[in-house]
Amino acid sequence: MVDEHRIAPRRRLLKGGKISFGGAIIDCTVRNLSETGAALEVSSPVGIPERFTLVIEAGHIHVPCRVVWRKETRIGVHFET
């Protein structure tokens, strides 16, 4: 069994999103989402800063984020509300 370290449970999701920072926008897919954070799939995590705004147009969501982990094509973020 995997230990659950998250404060809030995450829902599996498959929504298009955008990583926005300094006038740049990188497309991503939101793989799962909770009240406190999300896992994002990206073509490459290279060049994505520690802090950015996650935009999910389908839900009219614009939330500032901080990266908490990075893997090959995924990054985990914590929402800074």
N, C-alpha and C. Protein backbone atom coordinates (compact mmCIF):
# COMPACT_ATOMS: atom_id res chain seq x y z
N MET A 1 0.84 -1.19 0.00
CA MET A 1 0.00 0.00 0.00
C MET A 1 0.88 1.25 0.00
N VAL A 2 0.48 2.24 -0.76
CA VAL A 2 1.25 3.48 -0.86
C VAL A 2 0.80 4.43 0.24
N ASP A 3 1.76 5.04 0.92
CA ASP A 3 1.42 6.02 1.94
C ASP A 3 0.87 7.28 1.26
N GLU A 4 -0.16 7.84 1.82
CA GLU A 4 -0.76 9.06 1.28
C GLU A 4 -0.22 10.24 2.07
N HIS A 5 0.58 11.08 1.40
CA HIS A 5 1.20 12.22 2.08
C HIS A 5 0.45 13.52 1.83
N ARG A 6 -0.60 13.49 1.06
CA ARG A 6 -1.31 14.71 0.71
C ARG A 6 -2.28 15.13 1.80
N ILE A 7 -2.46 16.44 1.91
CA ILE A 7 -3.39 17.00 2.89
C ILE A 7 -4.83 16.73 2.45
N ALA A 8 -5.08 16.89 1.14
CA ALA A 8 -6.43 16.69 0.61
C ALA A 8 -6.40 15.61 -0.47
N PRO A 9 -7.42 14.76 -0.53
CA PRO A 9 -7.44 13.71 -1.56
C PRO A 9 -7.54 14.33 -2.96
N ARG A 10 -6.87 13.69 -3.93
CA ARG A 10 -6.90 14.19 -5.30
C ARG A 10 -7.87 13.38 -6.13
N ARG A 11 -8.53 14.07 -7.06
CA ARG A 11 -9.42 13.42 -8.03
C ARG A 11 -8.66 13.25 -9.33
N ARG A 12 -8.78 12.06 -9.93
CA ARG A 12 -8.17 11.86 -11.25
C ARG A 12 -8.90 12.72 -12.26
N LEU A 13 -8.14 13.24 -13.20
CA LEU A 13 -8.69 14.21 -14.12
C LEU A 13 -7.90 14.13 -15.43
N LEU A 14 -8.45 14.65 -16.48
CA LEU A 14 -7.73 14.73 -17.74
C LEU A 14 -8.23 15.99 -18.45
N LYS A 15 -7.72 17.15 -17.99
CA LYS A 15 -8.15 18.42 -18.54
C LYS A 15 -6.96 19.18 -19.08
N GLY A 16 -7.21 19.92 -20.14
CA GLY A 16 -6.17 20.77 -20.68
C GLY A 16 -5.94 21.96 -19.77
N GLY A 17 -4.68 22.32 -19.61
CA GLY A 17 -4.35 23.47 -18.80
C GLY A 17 -3.19 24.23 -19.42
N LYS A 18 -2.86 25.35 -18.80
CA LYS A 18 -1.74 26.16 -19.26
C LYS A 18 -0.92 26.60 -18.06
N ILE A 19 0.40 26.55 -18.23
CA ILE A 19 1.33 27.05 -17.23
C ILE A 19 1.75 28.43 -17.72
N SER A 20 1.44 29.45 -16.93
CA SER A 20 1.66 30.83 -17.34
C SER A 20 2.68 31.50 -16.43
N PHE A 21 3.73 32.10 -17.03
CA PHE A 21 4.74 32.81 -16.25
C PHE A 21 5.46 33.80 -17.14
N GLY A 22 5.70 34.98 -16.66
CA GLY A 22 6.49 35.99 -17.37
C GLY A 22 6.10 36.22 -18.81
N GLY A 23 4.83 36.11 -19.13
CA GLY A 23 4.37 36.31 -20.50
C GLY A 23 4.42 35.05 -21.35
N ALA A 24 5.03 33.98 -20.84
CA ALA A 24 5.11 32.72 -21.57
C ALA A 24 3.96 31.80 -21.14
N ILE A 25 3.58 30.91 -22.07
CA ILE A 25 2.52 29.93 -21.77
C ILE A 25 2.98 28.57 -22.28
N ILE A 26 2.88 27.56 -21.42
CA ILE A 26 3.21 26.19 -21.78
C ILE A 26 1.96 25.34 -21.58
N ASP A 27 1.59 24.58 -22.60
CA ASP A 27 0.42 23.69 -22.48
C ASP A 27 0.75 22.53 -21.55
N CYS A 28 -0.26 22.09 -20.81
CA CYS A 28 -0.10 20.93 -19.94
C CYS A 28 -1.43 20.20 -19.85
N THR A 29 -1.38 19.01 -19.27
CA THR A 29 -2.60 18.25 -18.99
C THR A 29 -2.67 18.08 -17.48
N VAL A 30 -3.80 18.44 -16.90
CA VAL A 30 -4.01 18.27 -15.46
C VAL A 30 -4.43 16.82 -15.24
N ARG A 31 -3.55 16.03 -14.61
CA ARG A 31 -3.80 14.60 -14.42
C ARG A 31 -4.62 14.32 -13.17
N ASN A 32 -4.38 15.07 -12.11
CA ASN A 32 -5.23 14.99 -10.94
C ASN A 32 -5.21 16.31 -10.21
N LEU A 33 -6.22 16.51 -9.37
CA LEU A 33 -6.46 17.82 -8.79
C LEU A 33 -7.08 17.66 -7.41
N SER A 34 -6.63 18.50 -6.47
CA SER A 34 -7.26 18.55 -5.15
C SER A 34 -7.44 20.02 -4.78
N GLU A 35 -7.92 20.27 -3.60
CA GLU A 35 -8.07 21.65 -3.14
C GLU A 35 -6.72 22.32 -2.94
N THR A 36 -5.68 21.52 -2.71
CA THR A 36 -4.38 22.09 -2.35
C THR A 36 -3.31 21.96 -3.43
N GLY A 37 -3.56 21.17 -4.49
CA GLY A 37 -2.53 21.01 -5.51
C GLY A 37 -2.98 20.16 -6.67
N ALA A 38 -2.00 19.86 -7.55
CA ALA A 38 -2.31 19.10 -8.75
C ALA A 38 -1.05 18.42 -9.27
N ALA A 39 -1.26 17.42 -10.14
CA ALA A 39 -0.17 16.81 -10.89
C ALA A 39 -0.40 17.18 -12.34
N LEU A 40 0.64 17.71 -12.98
CA LEU A 40 0.54 18.20 -14.35
C LEU A 40 1.45 17.38 -15.25
N GLU A 41 0.95 17.04 -16.42
CA GLU A 41 1.79 16.36 -17.41
C GLU A 41 2.23 17.39 -18.44
N VAL A 42 3.53 17.40 -18.70
CA VAL A 42 4.11 18.37 -19.64
C VAL A 42 5.01 17.62 -20.62
N SER A 43 5.28 18.23 -21.77
CA SER A 43 6.19 17.58 -22.73
C SER A 43 7.59 17.53 -22.15
N SER A 44 7.99 18.57 -21.40
CA SER A 44 9.27 18.59 -20.70
C SER A 44 9.19 19.58 -19.55
N PRO A 45 9.68 19.22 -18.36
CA PRO A 45 9.65 20.16 -17.24
C PRO A 45 10.76 21.21 -17.31
N VAL A 46 11.66 21.08 -18.30
CA VAL A 46 12.78 22.02 -18.44
C VAL A 46 12.25 23.42 -18.76
N GLY A 47 12.73 24.40 -18.02
CA GLY A 47 12.34 25.78 -18.28
C GLY A 47 11.11 26.23 -17.51
N ILE A 48 10.46 25.31 -16.83
CA ILE A 48 9.29 25.69 -16.03
C ILE A 48 9.81 26.18 -14.67
N PRO A 49 9.48 27.42 -14.29
CA PRO A 49 10.01 27.97 -13.04
C PRO A 49 9.37 27.34 -11.80
N GLU A 50 9.94 27.65 -10.64
CA GLU A 50 9.42 27.13 -9.37
C GLU A 50 8.02 27.64 -9.06
N ARG A 51 7.71 28.85 -9.53
CA ARG A 51 6.38 29.44 -9.28
C ARG A 51 5.78 29.91 -10.60
N PHE A 52 4.49 29.66 -10.78
CA PHE A 52 3.78 30.07 -11.99
C PHE A 52 2.29 30.07 -11.69
N THR A 53 1.50 30.50 -12.66
CA THR A 53 0.03 30.47 -12.55
C THR A 53 -0.48 29.33 -13.41
N LEU A 54 -1.29 28.45 -12.80
CA LEU A 54 -1.96 27.38 -13.54
C LEU A 54 -3.31 27.91 -14.01
N VAL A 55 -3.56 27.77 -15.30
CA VAL A 55 -4.82 28.22 -15.89
C VAL A 55 -5.56 27.00 -16.43
N ILE A 56 -6.78 26.77 -15.93
CA ILE A 56 -7.65 25.72 -16.46
C ILE A 56 -8.89 26.44 -16.98
N GLU A 57 -8.91 26.65 -18.28
CA GLU A 57 -9.97 27.47 -18.86
C GLU A 57 -11.35 26.86 -18.69
N ALA A 58 -11.43 25.52 -18.73
CA ALA A 58 -12.73 24.85 -18.61
C ALA A 58 -13.40 25.18 -17.27
N GLY A 59 -12.60 25.37 -16.22
CA GLY A 59 -13.17 25.68 -14.91
C GLY A 59 -12.98 27.12 -14.50
N HIS A 60 -12.51 27.95 -15.44
CA HIS A 60 -12.21 29.36 -15.16
C HIS A 60 -11.30 29.50 -13.94
N ILE A 61 -10.30 28.62 -13.88
CA ILE A 61 -9.38 28.59 -12.74
C ILE A 61 -8.07 29.26 -13.12
N HIS A 62 -7.63 30.20 -12.29
CA HIS A 62 -6.31 30.84 -12.41
C HIS A 62 -5.73 30.81 -11.00
N VAL A 63 -4.77 29.93 -10.74
CA VAL A 63 -4.27 29.79 -9.38
C VAL A 63 -2.74 29.81 -9.37
N PRO A 64 -2.16 30.62 -8.46
CA PRO A 64 -0.70 30.61 -8.33
C PRO A 64 -0.23 29.29 -7.72
N CYS A 65 0.88 28.75 -8.25
CA CYS A 65 1.39 27.45 -7.84
C CYS A 65 2.87 27.52 -7.50
N ARG A 66 3.29 26.54 -6.70
CA ARG A 66 4.70 26.33 -6.40
C ARG A 66 5.00 24.87 -6.70
N VAL A 67 6.07 24.59 -7.44
CA VAL A 67 6.45 23.22 -7.79
C VAL A 67 6.99 22.52 -6.55
N VAL A 68 6.48 21.32 -6.26
CA VAL A 68 6.96 20.54 -5.10
C VAL A 68 7.71 19.29 -5.52
N TRP A 69 7.50 18.81 -6.76
CA TRP A 69 8.30 17.71 -7.30
C TRP A 69 8.28 17.74 -8.81
N ARG A 70 9.31 17.13 -9.40
CA ARG A 70 9.44 17.04 -10.86
C ARG A 70 9.87 15.63 -11.23
N LYS A 71 9.25 15.08 -12.26
CA LYS A 71 9.66 13.80 -12.83
C LYS A 71 9.84 14.01 -14.32
N GLU A 72 10.00 12.93 -15.10
CA GLU A 72 10.31 13.07 -16.52
C GLU A 72 9.33 13.97 -17.27
N THR A 73 8.05 13.67 -17.20
CA THR A 73 7.07 14.48 -17.92
C THR A 73 5.95 14.97 -17.01
N ARG A 74 6.19 14.93 -15.71
CA ARG A 74 5.17 15.39 -14.76
C ARG A 74 5.78 16.30 -13.72
N ILE A 75 4.95 17.23 -13.26
CA ILE A 75 5.34 18.06 -12.13
C ILE A 75 4.17 18.11 -11.14
N GLY A 76 4.50 18.15 -9.87
CA GLY A 76 3.50 18.27 -8.83
C GLY A 76 3.55 19.68 -8.29
N VAL A 77 2.38 20.28 -8.12
CA VAL A 77 2.34 21.66 -7.63
C VAL A 77 1.43 21.79 -6.41
N HIS A 78 1.78 22.75 -5.58
CA HIS A 78 0.96 23.13 -4.42
C HIS A 78 0.37 24.49 -4.73
N PHE A 79 -0.93 24.64 -4.49
CA PHE A 79 -1.59 25.92 -4.76
C PHE A 79 -1.25 26.92 -3.65
N GLU A 80 -0.87 28.12 -4.04
CA GLU A 80 -0.55 29.17 -3.07
C GLU A 80 -1.71 30.16 -3.06
N THR A 81 -2.67 29.90 -2.21
CA THR A 81 -3.86 30.75 -2.16
C THR A 81 -3.81 31.71 -1.00
